[in-house]
């Protein structure tokens, strides 16, 4: 299991130190939540802060866009050269075009769906992305309770095996040592963990507990 701690739950007063700490503690990716206050009822960070995160990180960035104007934000964050840029199915009309735009930047495109969005909407786009991010909370705020989406993960895995076997599955929201085994068994490759990691006194121990 790969682990992508979400800096949404970090101490922004010492953000550079927090990023260095999770990288040294064994993180595989640094998850950056970008919210615009329109698609979700919260605002987080822009490219200036994200650039500082990138400069402190020794692991690749995993940028999750929770915005309405995806094309604009892709252009803003692409210069940071993250490994992934994820955009929501629900906020985009031209999924294939945006996935190709991200790939043209040399970045792996990823599609996201909310807990209430059915898996079958991914059938046409899954062929063109490198990762599917399944939300296990409603996006907008950290520290939310995990919504059991195990059946949804299995359905996504079946879709991926049919159309794009190299595509990864990432889960974001309420991940902890209490559900990590079930997530692995369902077919998850990467987990995003914010409050679980940053709320732990020992980041390395927290990350290690998720590497099942």
C-alpha atoms as a PDB file:
ATOM      1  CA  UNK A   1       0.000   0.000   0.000  1.00  0.00           C
ATOM      2  CA  UNK A   2       1.281   3.452  -0.916  1.00  0.00           C
ATOM      3  CA  UNK A   3       0.533   6.263   1.526  1.00  0.00           C
ATOM      4  CA  UNK A   4      -0.145   9.887   0.584  1.00  0.00           C
ATOM      5  CA  UNK A   5      -0.517  12.049   3.705  1.00  0.00           C
ATOM      6  CA  UNK A   6      -2.791  15.036   3.089  1.00  0.00           C
ATOM      7  CA  UNK A   7      -1.248  18.323   4.132  1.00  0.00           C
ATOM      8  CA  UNK A   8      -4.769  19.660   4.716  1.00  0.00           C
ATOM      9  CA  UNK A   9      -4.345  18.295   8.249  1.00  0.00           C
ATOM     10  CA  UNK A  10      -0.806  19.616   8.750  1.00  0.00           C
ATOM     11  CA  UNK A  11       0.179  22.543  10.969  1.00  0.00           C
ATOM     12  CA  UNK A  12       0.362  25.358   8.399  1.00  0.00           C
ATOM     13  CA  UNK A  13       2.381  27.457  10.824  1.00  0.00           C
ATOM     14  CA  UNK A  14       5.284  25.077  10.255  1.00  0.00           C
ATOM     15  CA  UNK A  15       4.218  23.666   6.907  1.00  0.00           C
ATOM     16  CA  UNK A  16       7.703  23.201   5.427  1.00  0.00           C
ATOM     17  CA  UNK A  17       8.784  21.261   8.505  1.00  0.00           C
ATOM     18  CA  UNK A  18       5.629  19.126   8.366  1.00  0.00           C
ATOM     19  CA  UNK A  19       6.264  18.238   4.712  1.00  0.00           C
ATOM     20  CA  UNK A  20       9.870  17.282   5.433  1.00  0.00           C
ATOM     21  CA  UNK A  21       8.714  15.198   8.394  1.00  0.00           C
ATOM     22  CA  UNK A  22       6.188  13.096   6.466  1.00  0.00           C
ATOM     23  CA  UNK A  23       8.662  12.503   3.638  1.00  0.00           C
ATOM     24  CA  UNK A  24      11.276  11.309   6.129  1.00  0.00           C
ATOM     25  CA  UNK A  25       8.609   9.228   7.896  1.00  0.00           C
ATOM     26  CA  UNK A  26       7.993   7.090   4.821  1.00  0.00           C
ATOM     27  CA  UNK A  27       5.299   8.856   2.797  1.00  0.00           C
ATOM     28  CA  UNK A  28       5.185   7.814  -0.858  1.00  0.00           C
ATOM     29  CA  UNK A  29       3.383  10.936  -2.081  1.00  0.00           C
ATOM     30  CA  UNK A  30       2.438  14.325  -0.639  1.00  0.00           C
ATOM     31  CA  UNK A  31      -1.295  14.897  -1.145  1.00  0.00           C
ATOM     32  CA  UNK A  32      -2.272  18.496  -1.848  1.00  0.00           C
ATOM     33  CA  UNK A  33      -5.976  19.374  -1.579  1.00  0.00           C
ATOM     34  CA  UNK A  34      -6.936  22.360  -3.714  1.00  0.00           C
ATOM     35  CA  UNK A  35     -10.407  23.789  -2.946  1.00  0.00           C
ATOM     36  CA  UNK A  36     -11.951  26.867  -4.526  1.00  0.00           C
ATOM     37  CA  UNK A  37     -14.931  27.598  -2.266  1.00  0.00           C
ATOM     38  CA  UNK A  38     -17.342  26.882  -5.134  1.00  0.00           C
ATOM     39  CA  UNK A  39     -17.261  23.166  -5.874  1.00  0.00           C
ATOM     40  CA  UNK A  40     -16.768  22.493  -2.158  1.00  0.00           C
ATOM     41  CA  UNK A  41     -17.604  24.749   0.832  1.00  0.00           C
ATOM     42  CA  UNK A  42     -13.995  25.419   1.764  1.00  0.00           C
ATOM     43  CA  UNK A  43     -10.895  27.155   0.426  1.00  0.00           C
ATOM     44  CA  UNK A  44      -7.386  25.827   0.870  1.00  0.00           C
ATOM     45  CA  UNK A  45      -4.145  26.624  -0.948  1.00  0.00           C
ATOM     46  CA  UNK A  46      -3.052  28.108  -4.237  1.00  0.00           C
ATOM     47  CA  UNK A  47       0.062  27.566  -6.352  1.00  0.00           C
ATOM     48  CA  UNK A  48       2.284  29.866  -4.247  1.00  0.00           C
ATOM     49  CA  UNK A  49       1.891  27.722  -1.124  1.00  0.00           C
ATOM     50  CA  UNK A  50       1.970  24.544  -3.206  1.00  0.00           C
ATOM     51  CA  UNK A  51       5.295  25.671  -4.689  1.00  0.00           C
ATOM     52  CA  UNK A  52       6.719  25.971  -1.181  1.00  0.00           C
ATOM     53  CA  UNK A  53       5.406  22.470  -0.432  1.00  0.00           C
ATOM     54  CA  UNK A  54       7.066  21.141  -3.591  1.00  0.00           C
ATOM     55  CA  UNK A  55      10.359  22.744  -2.625  1.00  0.00           C
ATOM     56  CA  UNK A  56      10.269  21.077   0.799  1.00  0.00           C
ATOM     57  CA  UNK A  57       9.058  17.680  -0.411  1.00  0.00           C
ATOM     58  CA  UNK A  58      11.407  14.863  -1.360  1.00  0.00           C
ATOM     59  CA  UNK A  59       8.446  12.799  -2.588  1.00  0.00           C
ATOM     60  CA  UNK A  60       6.173  13.555  -5.564  1.00  0.00           C
ATOM     61  CA  UNK A  61       3.082  15.706  -5.185  1.00  0.00           C
ATOM     62  CA  UNK A  62      -0.406  14.266  -5.602  1.00  0.00           C
ATOM     63  CA  UNK A  63      -2.652  17.235  -6.430  1.00  0.00           C
ATOM     64  CA  UNK A  64      -6.403  16.830  -5.888  1.00  0.00           C
ATOM     65  CA  UNK A  65      -8.478  19.565  -7.516  1.00  0.00           C
ATOM     66  CA  UNK A  66     -11.860  20.243  -5.901  1.00  0.00           C
ATOM     67  CA  UNK A  67     -12.753  23.168  -8.143  1.00  0.00           C
ATOM     68  CA  UNK A  68     -15.208  24.263 -10.821  1.00  0.00           C
ATOM     69  CA  UNK A  69     -12.728  25.691 -13.341  1.00  0.00           C
ATOM     70  CA  UNK A  70     -10.486  22.657 -13.789  1.00  0.00           C
ATOM     71  CA  UNK A  71      -8.607  23.827 -16.869  1.00  0.00           C
ATOM     72  CA  UNK A  72      -7.563  27.058 -15.155  1.00  0.00           C
ATOM     73  CA  UNK A  73      -6.276  25.189 -12.092  1.00  0.00           C
ATOM     74  CA  UNK A  74      -4.442  22.564 -14.135  1.00  0.00           C
ATOM     75  CA  UNK A  75      -2.500  25.366 -15.819  1.00  0.00           C
ATOM     76  CA  UNK A  76      -1.724  26.886 -12.409  1.00  0.00           C
ATOM     77  CA  UNK A  77      -0.425  23.698 -10.787  1.00  0.00           C
ATOM     78  CA  UNK A  78       1.186  21.884 -13.726  1.00  0.00           C
ATOM     79  CA  UNK A  79       4.458  23.890 -13.478  1.00  0.00           C
ATOM     80  CA  UNK A  80       5.043  22.217 -10.103  1.00  0.00           C
ATOM     81  CA  UNK A  81       5.289  18.888 -11.965  1.00  0.00           C
ATOM     82  CA  UNK A  82       3.243  16.749  -9.563  1.00  0.00           C
ATOM     83  CA  UNK A  83       3.046  13.039 -10.262  1.00  0.00           C
ATOM     84  CA  UNK A  84      -0.763  13.153 -10.380  1.00  0.00           C
ATOM     85  CA  UNK A  85      -3.413  15.791 -10.948  1.00  0.00           C
ATOM     86  CA  UNK A  86      -6.881  14.527 -10.014  1.00  0.00           C
ATOM     87  CA  UNK A  87     -10.085  16.245 -11.114  1.00  0.00           C
ATOM     88  CA  UNK A  88     -13.690  15.504 -10.198  1.00  0.00           C
ATOM     89  CA  UNK A  89     -16.016  13.832 -12.662  1.00  0.00           C
ATOM     90  CA  UNK A  90     -18.840  15.917 -11.201  1.00  0.00           C
ATOM     91  CA  UNK A  91     -17.207  19.285 -11.936  1.00  0.00           C
ATOM     92  CA  UNK A  92     -16.028  18.705 -15.497  1.00  0.00           C
ATOM     93  CA  UNK A  93     -17.899  18.476 -18.799  1.00  0.00           C
ATOM     94  CA  UNK A  94     -14.963  17.490 -21.024  1.00  0.00           C
ATOM     95  CA  UNK A  95     -13.264  14.624 -19.204  1.00  0.00           C
ATOM     96  CA  UNK A  96     -11.205  13.231 -22.077  1.00  0.00           C
ATOM     97  CA  UNK A  97      -9.945  16.650 -23.140  1.00  0.00           C
ATOM     98  CA  UNK A  98      -8.848  17.550 -19.612  1.00  0.00           C
ATOM     99  CA  UNK A  99      -7.162  14.182 -19.059  1.00  0.00           C
ATOM    100  CA  UNK A 100      -5.185  14.689 -22.263  1.00  0.00           C
ATOM    101  CA  UNK A 101      -4.274  18.243 -21.254  1.00  0.00           C
ATOM    102  CA  UNK A 102      -2.824  16.930 -17.993  1.00  0.00           C
ATOM    103  CA  UNK A 103      -0.933  14.182 -19.825  1.00  0.00           C
ATOM    104  CA  UNK A 104       0.458  16.701 -22.305  1.00  0.00           C
ATOM    105  CA  UNK A 105       2.130  18.390 -19.330  1.00  0.00           C
ATOM    106  CA  UNK A 106       3.908  15.106 -18.561  1.00  0.00           C
ATOM    107  CA  UNK A 107       1.663  14.492 -15.536  1.00  0.00           C
ATOM    108  CA  UNK A 108      -0.508  11.449 -14.843  1.00  0.00           C
ATOM    109  CA  UNK A 109      -4.227  12.303 -15.028  1.00  0.00           C
ATOM    110  CA  UNK A 110      -6.605  10.983 -12.397  1.00  0.00           C
ATOM    111  CA  UNK A 111     -10.409  11.083 -12.182  1.00  0.00           C
ATOM    112  CA  UNK A 112     -12.287  11.480  -8.869  1.00  0.00           C
ATOM    113  CA  UNK A 113     -15.836  10.565  -7.902  1.00  0.00           C
ATOM    114  CA  UNK A 114     -17.758  11.489  -4.767  1.00  0.00           C
ATOM    115  CA  UNK A 115     -19.332   8.878  -2.467  1.00  0.00           C
ATOM    116  CA  UNK A 116     -22.796   9.209  -4.069  1.00  0.00           C
ATOM    117  CA  UNK A 117     -21.577   9.061  -7.674  1.00  0.00           C
ATOM    118  CA  UNK A 118     -21.974   5.588  -9.244  1.00  0.00           C
ATOM    119  CA  UNK A 119     -18.960   3.768 -10.630  1.00  0.00           C
ATOM    120  CA  UNK A 120     -20.511   3.250 -14.066  1.00  0.00           C
ATOM    121  CA  UNK A 121     -19.852   6.907 -14.987  1.00  0.00           C
ATOM    122  CA  UNK A 122     -16.164   5.967 -15.220  1.00  0.00           C
ATOM    123  CA  UNK A 123     -16.602   3.446 -18.014  1.00  0.00           C
ATOM    124  CA  UNK A 124     -15.634   5.772 -20.859  1.00  0.00           C
ATOM    125  CA  UNK A 125     -12.937   7.806 -19.095  1.00  0.00           C
ATOM    126  CA  UNK A 126     -11.103   5.052 -17.172  1.00  0.00           C
ATOM    127  CA  UNK A 127      -9.240   4.081 -20.344  1.00  0.00           C
ATOM    128  CA  UNK A 128      -7.598   7.509 -20.449  1.00  0.00           C
ATOM    129  CA  UNK A 129      -6.429   8.023 -16.863  1.00  0.00           C
ATOM    130  CA  UNK A 130      -3.677   6.534 -14.713  1.00  0.00           C
ATOM    131  CA  UNK A 131      -5.603   6.582 -11.442  1.00  0.00           C
ATOM    132  CA  UNK A 132      -9.154   6.629 -10.081  1.00  0.00           C
ATOM    133  CA  UNK A 133      -9.609   8.441  -6.772  1.00  0.00           C
ATOM    134  CA  UNK A 134     -12.640   7.294  -4.812  1.00  0.00           C
ATOM    135  CA  UNK A 135     -13.828   9.651  -2.088  1.00  0.00           C
ATOM    136  CA  UNK A 136     -14.818   7.910   1.142  1.00  0.00           C
ATOM    137  CA  UNK A 137     -16.028  11.203   2.625  1.00  0.00           C
ATOM    138  CA  UNK A 138     -17.794  14.129   0.999  1.00  0.00           C
ATOM    139  CA  UNK A 139     -15.015  16.495  -0.106  1.00  0.00           C
ATOM    140  CA  UNK A 140     -14.373  19.800   1.591  1.00  0.00           C
ATOM    141  CA  UNK A 141     -13.057  19.189   5.082  1.00  0.00           C
ATOM    142  CA  UNK A 142     -10.546  16.930   6.829  1.00  0.00           C
ATOM    143  CA  UNK A 143     -11.257  14.704   9.793  1.00  0.00           C
ATOM    144  CA  UNK A 144     -14.555  13.289   8.536  1.00  0.00           C
ATOM    145  CA  UNK A 145     -15.920   9.836   9.327  1.00  0.00           C
ATOM    146  CA  UNK A 146     -15.185   7.109   6.785  1.00  0.00           C
ATOM    147  CA  UNK A 147     -18.067   6.107   4.509  1.00  0.00           C
ATOM    148  CA  UNK A 148     -17.840   2.357   3.722  1.00  0.00           C
ATOM    149  CA  UNK A 149     -17.280   2.133  -0.039  1.00  0.00           C
ATOM    150  CA  UNK A 150     -15.815  -1.373  -0.238  1.00  0.00           C
ATOM    151  CA  UNK A 151     -18.318  -2.592  -2.837  1.00  0.00           C
ATOM    152  CA  UNK A 152     -17.653   0.522  -4.881  1.00  0.00           C
ATOM    153  CA  UNK A 153     -13.907  -0.163  -4.785  1.00  0.00           C
ATOM    154  CA  UNK A 154     -14.496  -3.715  -6.017  1.00  0.00           C
ATOM    155  CA  UNK A 155     -16.717  -2.442  -8.844  1.00  0.00           C
ATOM    156  CA  UNK A 156     -14.008   0.030  -9.832  1.00  0.00           C
ATOM    157  CA  UNK A 157     -11.405  -2.728  -9.774  1.00  0.00           C
ATOM    158  CA  UNK A 158     -13.538  -4.818 -12.135  1.00  0.00           C
ATOM    159  CA  UNK A 159     -13.906  -1.866 -14.491  1.00  0.00           C
ATOM    160  CA  UNK A 160     -10.161  -1.212 -14.445  1.00  0.00           C
ATOM    161  CA  UNK A 161      -9.301  -4.847 -15.094  1.00  0.00           C
ATOM    162  CA  UNK A 162     -11.616  -4.780 -18.115  1.00  0.00           C
ATOM    163  CA  UNK A 163     -10.462  -1.508 -19.689  1.00  0.00           C
ATOM    164  CA  UNK A 164      -7.135  -0.339 -18.225  1.00  0.00           C
ATOM    165  CA  UNK A 165      -5.333  -2.868 -15.983  1.00  0.00           C
ATOM    166  CA  UNK A 166      -2.435  -0.527 -15.172  1.00  0.00           C
ATOM    167  CA  UNK A 167      -4.746   2.116 -13.660  1.00  0.00           C
ATOM    168  CA  UNK A 168      -4.422   2.542  -9.879  1.00  0.00           C
ATOM    169  CA  UNK A 169      -7.116   3.041  -7.246  1.00  0.00           C
ATOM    170  CA  UNK A 170      -6.696   5.672  -4.549  1.00  0.00           C
ATOM    171  CA  UNK A 171      -9.074   6.217  -1.611  1.00  0.00           C
ATOM    172  CA  UNK A 172      -9.366   9.483   0.298  1.00  0.00           C
ATOM    173  CA  UNK A 173     -11.256  10.152   3.524  1.00  0.00           C
ATOM    174  CA  UNK A 174     -11.337   8.677   7.003  1.00  0.00           C
ATOM    175  CA  UNK A 175      -8.536   6.199   6.331  1.00  0.00           C
ATOM    176  CA  UNK A 176      -6.915   4.670   9.429  1.00  0.00           C
ATOM    177  CA  UNK A 177      -5.459   1.456  10.780  1.00  0.00           C
ATOM    178  CA  UNK A 178      -9.060   0.401  11.502  1.00  0.00           C
ATOM    179  CA  UNK A 179     -10.042   0.044   7.852  1.00  0.00           C
ATOM    180  CA  UNK A 180      -6.746  -0.325   5.972  1.00  0.00           C
ATOM    181  CA  UNK A 181      -6.892  -4.133   5.715  1.00  0.00           C
ATOM    182  CA  UNK A 182     -10.389  -4.017   4.230  1.00  0.00           C
ATOM    183  CA  UNK A 183      -9.306  -1.325   1.789  1.00  0.00           C
ATOM    184  CA  UNK A 184      -6.376  -3.447   0.676  1.00  0.00           C
ATOM    185  CA  UNK A 185      -8.566  -6.534   0.278  1.00  0.00           C
ATOM    186  CA  UNK A 186     -11.021  -4.535  -1.839  1.00  0.00           C
ATOM    187  CA  UNK A 187      -8.240  -3.571  -4.264  1.00  0.00           C
ATOM    188  CA  UNK A 188      -6.894  -0.166  -3.190  1.00  0.00           C
ATOM    189  CA  UNK A 189      -3.341   0.778  -4.238  1.00  0.00           C
ATOM    190  CA  UNK A 190      -2.908   4.197  -2.570  1.00  0.00           C
ATOM    191  CA  UNK A 191      -4.523   5.712   0.514  1.00  0.00           C
ATOM    192  CA  UNK A 192      -4.751   9.375   1.424  1.00  0.00           C
ATOM    193  CA  UNK A 193      -4.545   9.944   5.170  1.00  0.00           C
ATOM    194  CA  UNK A 194      -4.641  13.390   6.717  1.00  0.00           C
ATOM    195  CA  UNK A 195      -5.846  13.588  10.288  1.00  0.00           C
ATOM    196  CA  UNK A 196      -4.771  10.007  11.005  1.00  0.00           C
ATOM    197  CA  UNK A 197      -1.133  10.775  10.166  1.00  0.00           C
ATOM    198  CA  UNK A 198      -0.858  14.368  11.363  1.00  0.00           C
ATOM    199  CA  UNK A 199      -2.913  13.636  14.465  1.00  0.00           C
ATOM    200  CA  UNK A 200      -0.467  10.903  15.481  1.00  0.00           C
ATOM    201  CA  UNK A 201       2.483  11.774  17.705  1.00  0.00           C
ATOM    202  CA  UNK A 202       4.711   9.523  15.599  1.00  0.00           C
ATOM    203  CA  UNK A 203       4.260  10.124  11.864  1.00  0.00           C
ATOM    204  CA  UNK A 204       6.481   7.183  10.935  1.00  0.00           C
ATOM    205  CA  UNK A 205       4.466   4.777  13.066  1.00  0.00           C
ATOM    206  CA  UNK A 206       1.207   6.062  11.605  1.00  0.00           C
ATOM    207  CA  UNK A 207       2.414   5.699   8.022  1.00  0.00           C
ATOM    208  CA  UNK A 208       3.907   2.277   8.718  1.00  0.00           C
ATOM    209  CA  UNK A 209       0.565   1.062  10.114  1.00  0.00           C
ATOM    210  CA  UNK A 210      -1.027   1.802   6.721  1.00  0.00           C
ATOM    211  CA  UNK A 211       1.612   0.011   4.648  1.00  0.00           C
ATOM    212  CA  UNK A 212      -0.122  -3.363   4.653  1.00  0.00           C
END
